[in-house]
Amino acid sequence: MRHIRLVIEYDGTTLHGWQRQANGATVQQHLEEALAKLLTHPAPVVGASRTDAGVHARGQIASFRTERTIPLYGIRRGLNSMLPDSIAIREVDEVPEDFHPRFSASGKHYRYTVLVRRDRSPHWRDRAWHHPEPLDVAAMREAATTLHGQHDFAAFRAAGCSAKTSVRRIDRIELTEDGDRLVVDVEGNAFLRNMVRIVVGTLVDVGVGRLAARQVPGILAGLDRVQAGRTAPAHGLELVEVHYDRTPPDV
């Protein structure tokens, strides 16, 4: 039995997220339907991240098993010929039997883009959160430093999050100004449901003065979602990369 890993890129604008759902097409559904045609047998896929509807990815990881002897380049080309334009397979390789896209991962890198200008942008409408008000980026950076390290991020997870523990580790939050775009890169060992979007929403609330940077440590310690900032829109978020070359997460 071969164990095949896929590196997947997708535009989440018209997709209902990664995981199969009854109310709309998802990345997992499209992949499994294409694999069933290519391999002539069902091939369930497991993903590294259950991205929400509207969220994009350039480095999602998934794997499946098959006894078919189709070469790796044939799997990539075959899938790309059948998948919708919003989904593409970037890389295909064989991995050990015990590899798991989610549980073998040592970390993930997400990127959130905020468009900070008065007028909206058709070009960025599905890729960035349009924020017409100026932002105090210095205050946002000050607030971000308090989120570094391992903490209980209960205040930064959505209702309905099924994680057994809300303890997570953030290794990097970097805010980069690029013209009228503010790019927020977040890396950590694992993330709770909507955690990155709530972190970004909280930082933006600091940037407009709804919250003070000095309040963020108290919000973190308070473990109360109501005290944190808003949840940033899904379409500004992108899964950049899943890491497998670091110390495995302990949560």
Protein backbone atom coordinates (compact mmCIF):
# COMPACT_ATOMS: atom_id res chain seq x y z
CA MET A 1 0.00 0.00 0.00
CA ARG A 2 1.39 3.40 -1.00
CA HIS A 3 0.92 6.47 1.20
CA ILE A 4 0.82 9.63 -0.91
CA ARG A 5 1.19 13.21 0.31
CA LEU A 6 -0.19 16.19 -1.59
CA VAL A 7 0.76 19.87 -1.32
CA ILE A 8 -2.35 21.81 -2.30
CA GLU A 9 -3.02 25.41 -3.25
CA TYR A 10 -6.53 26.82 -3.37
CA ASP A 11 -8.59 29.97 -3.60
CA GLY A 12 -11.24 29.57 -0.95
CA THR A 13 -13.58 32.29 -2.24
CA THR A 14 -16.19 29.92 -3.67
CA LEU A 15 -15.40 26.95 -1.42
CA HIS A 16 -17.08 26.00 1.84
CA GLY A 17 -13.79 25.26 3.55
CA TRP A 18 -11.64 22.16 3.69
CA GLN A 19 -13.85 19.55 5.34
CA ARG A 20 -16.76 17.82 3.60
CA GLN A 21 -20.10 19.43 4.36
CA ALA A 22 -23.71 18.93 3.35
CA ASN A 23 -24.27 22.58 2.39
CA GLY A 24 -21.64 23.17 -0.30
CA ALA A 25 -18.56 22.04 -2.18
CA THR A 26 -15.32 21.77 -0.20
CA VAL A 27 -11.68 21.09 -1.00
CA GLN A 28 -11.86 17.61 0.54
CA GLN A 29 -14.92 16.73 -1.52
CA HIS A 30 -13.36 17.87 -4.80
CA LEU A 31 -10.15 15.96 -4.04
CA GLU A 32 -11.89 12.73 -3.10
CA GLU A 33 -14.12 12.83 -6.15
CA ALA A 34 -11.13 13.42 -8.45
CA LEU A 35 -9.10 10.67 -6.76
CA ALA A 36 -11.96 8.19 -7.10
CA LYS A 37 -12.00 8.81 -10.86
CA LEU A 38 -8.22 8.70 -11.24
CA LEU A 39 -7.64 5.63 -9.07
CA THR A 40 -10.97 3.86 -9.76
CA HIS A 41 -11.44 3.28 -6.04
CA PRO A 42 -12.47 5.47 -3.07
CA ALA A 43 -9.53 7.28 -1.48
CA PRO A 44 -10.39 9.26 1.67
CA VAL A 45 -8.02 12.17 2.23
CA VAL A 46 -6.84 13.58 5.55
CA GLY A 47 -5.84 17.26 5.74
CA ALA A 48 -3.46 19.16 7.97
CA SER A 49 -5.78 22.12 8.57
CA ARG A 50 -9.56 22.42 8.53
CA THR A 51 -9.65 25.84 6.92
CA ASP A 52 -12.98 27.67 7.02
CA ALA A 53 -15.11 28.82 4.11
CA GLY A 54 -13.38 31.68 2.31
CA VAL A 55 -9.91 30.92 3.68
CA HIS A 56 -7.14 30.38 1.11
CA ALA A 57 -4.08 28.11 1.08
CA ARG A 58 -0.83 27.81 -0.79
CA GLY A 59 0.58 24.99 1.31
CA GLN A 60 -2.22 22.78 2.61
CA ILE A 61 -1.10 19.18 3.16
CA ALA A 62 -3.22 16.07 2.66
CA SER A 63 -2.57 12.37 2.24
CA PHE A 64 -4.30 9.25 0.96
CA ARG A 65 -3.52 5.56 0.38
CA THR A 66 -3.66 3.48 -2.77
CA GLU A 67 -2.29 0.27 -4.29
CA ARG A 68 -2.30 1.79 -7.78
CA THR A 69 1.11 2.11 -9.41
CA ILE A 70 0.44 5.43 -11.14
CA PRO A 71 3.69 7.48 -11.04
CA LEU A 72 3.74 10.57 -8.87
CA TYR A 73 3.81 12.97 -11.82
CA GLY A 74 0.78 11.12 -13.23
CA ILE A 75 -1.14 11.64 -9.99
CA ARG A 76 -0.34 15.36 -10.01
CA ARG A 77 -1.22 15.86 -13.67
CA GLY A 78 -4.31 13.67 -13.45
CA LEU A 79 -5.71 15.48 -10.43
CA ASN A 80 -4.98 18.92 -11.87
CA SER A 81 -6.84 17.97 -15.06
CA MET A 82 -9.97 17.13 -13.04
CA LEU A 83 -9.98 19.62 -10.18
CA PRO A 84 -11.75 23.00 -10.50
CA ASP A 85 -9.66 26.07 -11.31
CA SER A 86 -9.78 27.11 -7.66
CA ILE A 87 -7.73 24.06 -6.54
CA ALA A 88 -4.33 22.84 -7.75
CA ILE A 89 -1.86 20.18 -6.65
CA ARG A 90 1.62 21.68 -6.33
CA GLU A 91 3.61 18.64 -5.23
CA VAL A 92 3.14 14.88 -4.80
CA ASP A 93 5.42 12.50 -2.94
CA GLU A 94 5.37 9.19 -1.07
CA VAL A 95 5.60 9.25 2.71
CA PRO A 96 6.01 6.62 5.46
CA GLU A 97 2.98 4.69 6.65
CA ASP A 98 2.95 6.48 10.01
CA PHE A 99 2.87 9.98 8.50
CA HIS A 100 -0.20 12.00 9.45
CA PRO A 101 -0.80 15.43 7.86
CA ARG A 102 -2.11 16.89 11.11
CA PHE A 103 -0.52 14.95 13.95
CA SER A 104 2.94 14.73 12.37
CA ALA A 105 3.03 18.50 11.86
CA SER A 106 5.37 20.52 14.07
CA GLY A 107 3.87 23.90 13.21
CA LYS A 108 1.88 26.04 10.82
CA HIS A 109 2.35 29.42 9.19
CA TYR A 110 -0.69 31.59 8.48
CA ARG A 111 -0.73 34.99 6.82
CA TYR A 112 -3.46 37.60 7.18
CA THR A 113 -3.71 40.64 4.90
CA VAL A 114 -5.45 43.89 5.84
CA LEU A 115 -5.96 46.55 3.16
CA VAL A 116 -5.69 49.87 5.00
CA ARG A 117 -7.04 52.62 2.78
CA ARG A 118 -10.19 54.68 2.42
CA ASP A 119 -11.42 53.22 -0.88
CA ARG A 120 -12.19 49.56 -1.51
CA SER A 121 -10.16 47.51 -3.97
CA PRO A 122 -11.73 45.11 -6.49
CA HIS A 123 -8.34 43.43 -6.83
CA TRP A 124 -8.07 42.63 -3.12
CA ARG A 125 -11.75 42.16 -2.31
CA ASP A 126 -11.45 38.36 -1.85
CA ARG A 127 -7.88 38.33 -0.50
CA ALA A 128 -7.72 41.08 2.13
CA TRP A 129 -9.85 42.68 4.84
CA HIS A 130 -10.63 46.20 3.67
CA HIS A 131 -10.19 48.53 6.63
CA PRO A 132 -10.83 52.19 5.74
CA GLU A 133 -9.61 53.59 9.08
CA PRO A 134 -5.89 54.20 9.76
CA LEU A 135 -4.23 51.76 12.13
CA ASP A 136 -1.67 52.41 14.87
CA VAL A 137 0.73 49.66 13.81
CA ALA A 138 3.19 50.43 16.61
CA ALA A 139 0.49 49.76 19.21
CA MET A 140 -0.49 46.58 17.38
CA ARG A 141 3.11 45.35 17.45
CA GLU A 142 3.31 46.08 21.18
CA ALA A 143 0.14 44.05 21.77
CA ALA A 144 1.38 41.20 19.58
CA THR A 145 4.51 40.69 21.68
CA THR A 146 2.37 39.71 24.67
CA LEU A 147 0.94 36.78 22.71
CA HIS A 148 4.32 35.17 21.97
CA GLY A 149 5.11 31.90 23.71
CA GLN A 150 2.96 29.18 25.22
CA HIS A 151 -0.31 30.28 26.80
CA ASP A 152 -3.88 29.21 27.35
CA PHE A 153 -5.59 30.87 24.36
CA ALA A 154 -9.16 30.18 25.49
CA ALA A 155 -10.01 33.87 24.93
CA PHE A 156 -8.93 33.49 21.30
CA ARG A 157 -10.97 30.51 20.16
CA ALA A 158 -14.42 30.35 18.62
CA ALA A 159 -17.45 28.82 20.27
CA GLY A 160 -17.78 25.18 19.34
CA CYS A 161 -14.02 24.58 19.21
CA SER A 162 -13.53 20.87 19.88
CA ALA A 163 -9.87 20.98 20.95
CA LYS A 164 -9.24 19.09 24.20
CA THR A 165 -6.96 21.85 25.48
CA SER A 166 -6.68 25.52 24.59
CA VAL A 167 -2.96 25.69 25.39
CA ARG A 168 -1.00 26.62 22.29
CA ARG A 169 2.38 28.16 21.43
CA ILE A 170 2.88 31.15 19.14
CA ASP A 171 6.45 31.36 17.87
CA ARG A 172 6.13 34.47 15.71
CA ILE A 173 3.73 37.32 15.04
CA GLU A 174 5.20 39.75 12.55
CA LEU A 175 3.42 42.83 11.19
CA THR A 176 4.78 44.14 7.88
CA GLU A 177 3.59 47.29 6.12
CA ASP A 178 3.66 46.96 2.34
CA GLY A 179 2.20 50.09 0.78
CA ASP A 180 -1.46 50.17 1.77
CA ARG A 181 -1.39 46.55 2.97
CA LEU A 182 -0.65 45.36 6.48
CA VAL A 183 0.52 41.74 6.42
CA VAL A 184 0.33 39.74 9.66
CA ASP A 185 2.35 36.52 9.71
CA VAL A 186 1.57 34.12 12.55
CA GLU A 187 3.49 30.91 13.21
CA GLY A 188 2.93 28.42 15.99
CA ASN A 189 2.78 24.78 16.93
CA ALA A 190 -1.00 24.50 16.47
CA PHE A 191 -4.06 26.73 16.36
CA LEU A 192 -7.57 26.67 17.79
CA ARG A 193 -10.69 27.25 15.75
CA ASN A 194 -10.60 30.84 14.40
CA MET A 195 -7.62 31.59 16.65
CA VAL A 196 -5.58 33.48 14.03
CA ARG A 197 -8.62 35.49 12.92
CA ILE A 198 -9.43 36.45 16.52
CA VAL A 199 -5.81 37.41 17.17
CA VAL A 200 -5.85 39.64 14.07
CA GLY A 201 -9.24 41.10 14.99
CA THR A 202 -7.95 41.91 18.47
CA LEU A 203 -4.81 43.56 17.09
CA VAL A 204 -6.92 45.66 14.70
CA ASP A 205 -9.11 46.73 17.62
CA VAL A 206 -5.90 47.88 19.31
CA GLY A 207 -4.91 49.65 16.09
CA VAL A 208 -8.09 51.73 16.04
CA GLY A 209 -8.11 52.41 19.78
CA ARG A 210 -11.04 50.20 20.80
CA LEU A 211 -8.59 48.29 22.97
CA ALA A 212 -5.28 49.39 24.48
CA ALA A 213 -2.16 47.29 24.00
CA ARG A 214 -1.80 47.08 27.79
CA GLN A 215 -5.19 45.30 27.98
CA VAL A 216 -4.14 42.31 25.89
CA PRO A 217 -2.22 40.45 28.64
CA GLY A 218 -5.32 40.69 30.84
CA ILE A 219 -7.52 39.41 28.01
CA LEU A 220 -5.17 36.47 27.53
CA ALA A 221 -5.13 35.69 31.26
CA GLY A 222 -8.90 36.11 31.57
CA LEU A 223 -9.66 33.16 29.25
CA ASP A 224 -12.92 34.85 28.18
CA ARG A 225 -13.69 35.09 24.47
CA VAL A 226 -16.06 38.00 25.08
CA GLN A 227 -13.18 40.18 26.27
CA ALA A 228 -11.05 39.67 23.14
CA GLY A 229 -11.54 41.57 19.89
CA ARG A 230 -13.65 40.76 16.88
CA THR A 231 -13.08 37.86 14.51
CA ALA A 232 -11.39 39.10 11.33
CA PRO A 233 -13.13 38.07 8.07
CA ALA A 234 -12.14 34.69 6.63
CA HIS A 235 -11.14 35.93 3.17
CA GLY A 236 -8.04 37.75 4.45
CA LEU A 237 -6.48 34.54 5.77
CA GLU A 238 -4.14 32.15 3.99
CA LEU A 239 -2.44 28.95 5.11
CA VAL A 240 1.10 29.48 3.86
CA GLU A 241 2.90 26.36 5.03
CA VAL A 242 2.71 23.35 7.33
CA HIS A 243 6.01 22.48 9.00
CA TYR A 244 7.25 18.96 9.68
CA ASP A 245 10.88 19.69 10.58
CA ARG A 246 10.56 20.95 14.14
CA THR A 247 9.83 19.47 17.57
CA PRO A 248 6.34 17.90 17.34
CA PRO A 249 3.60 19.85 19.14
CA ASP A 250 2.73 18.61 22.61
CA VAL A 251 -0.93 19.61 22.40
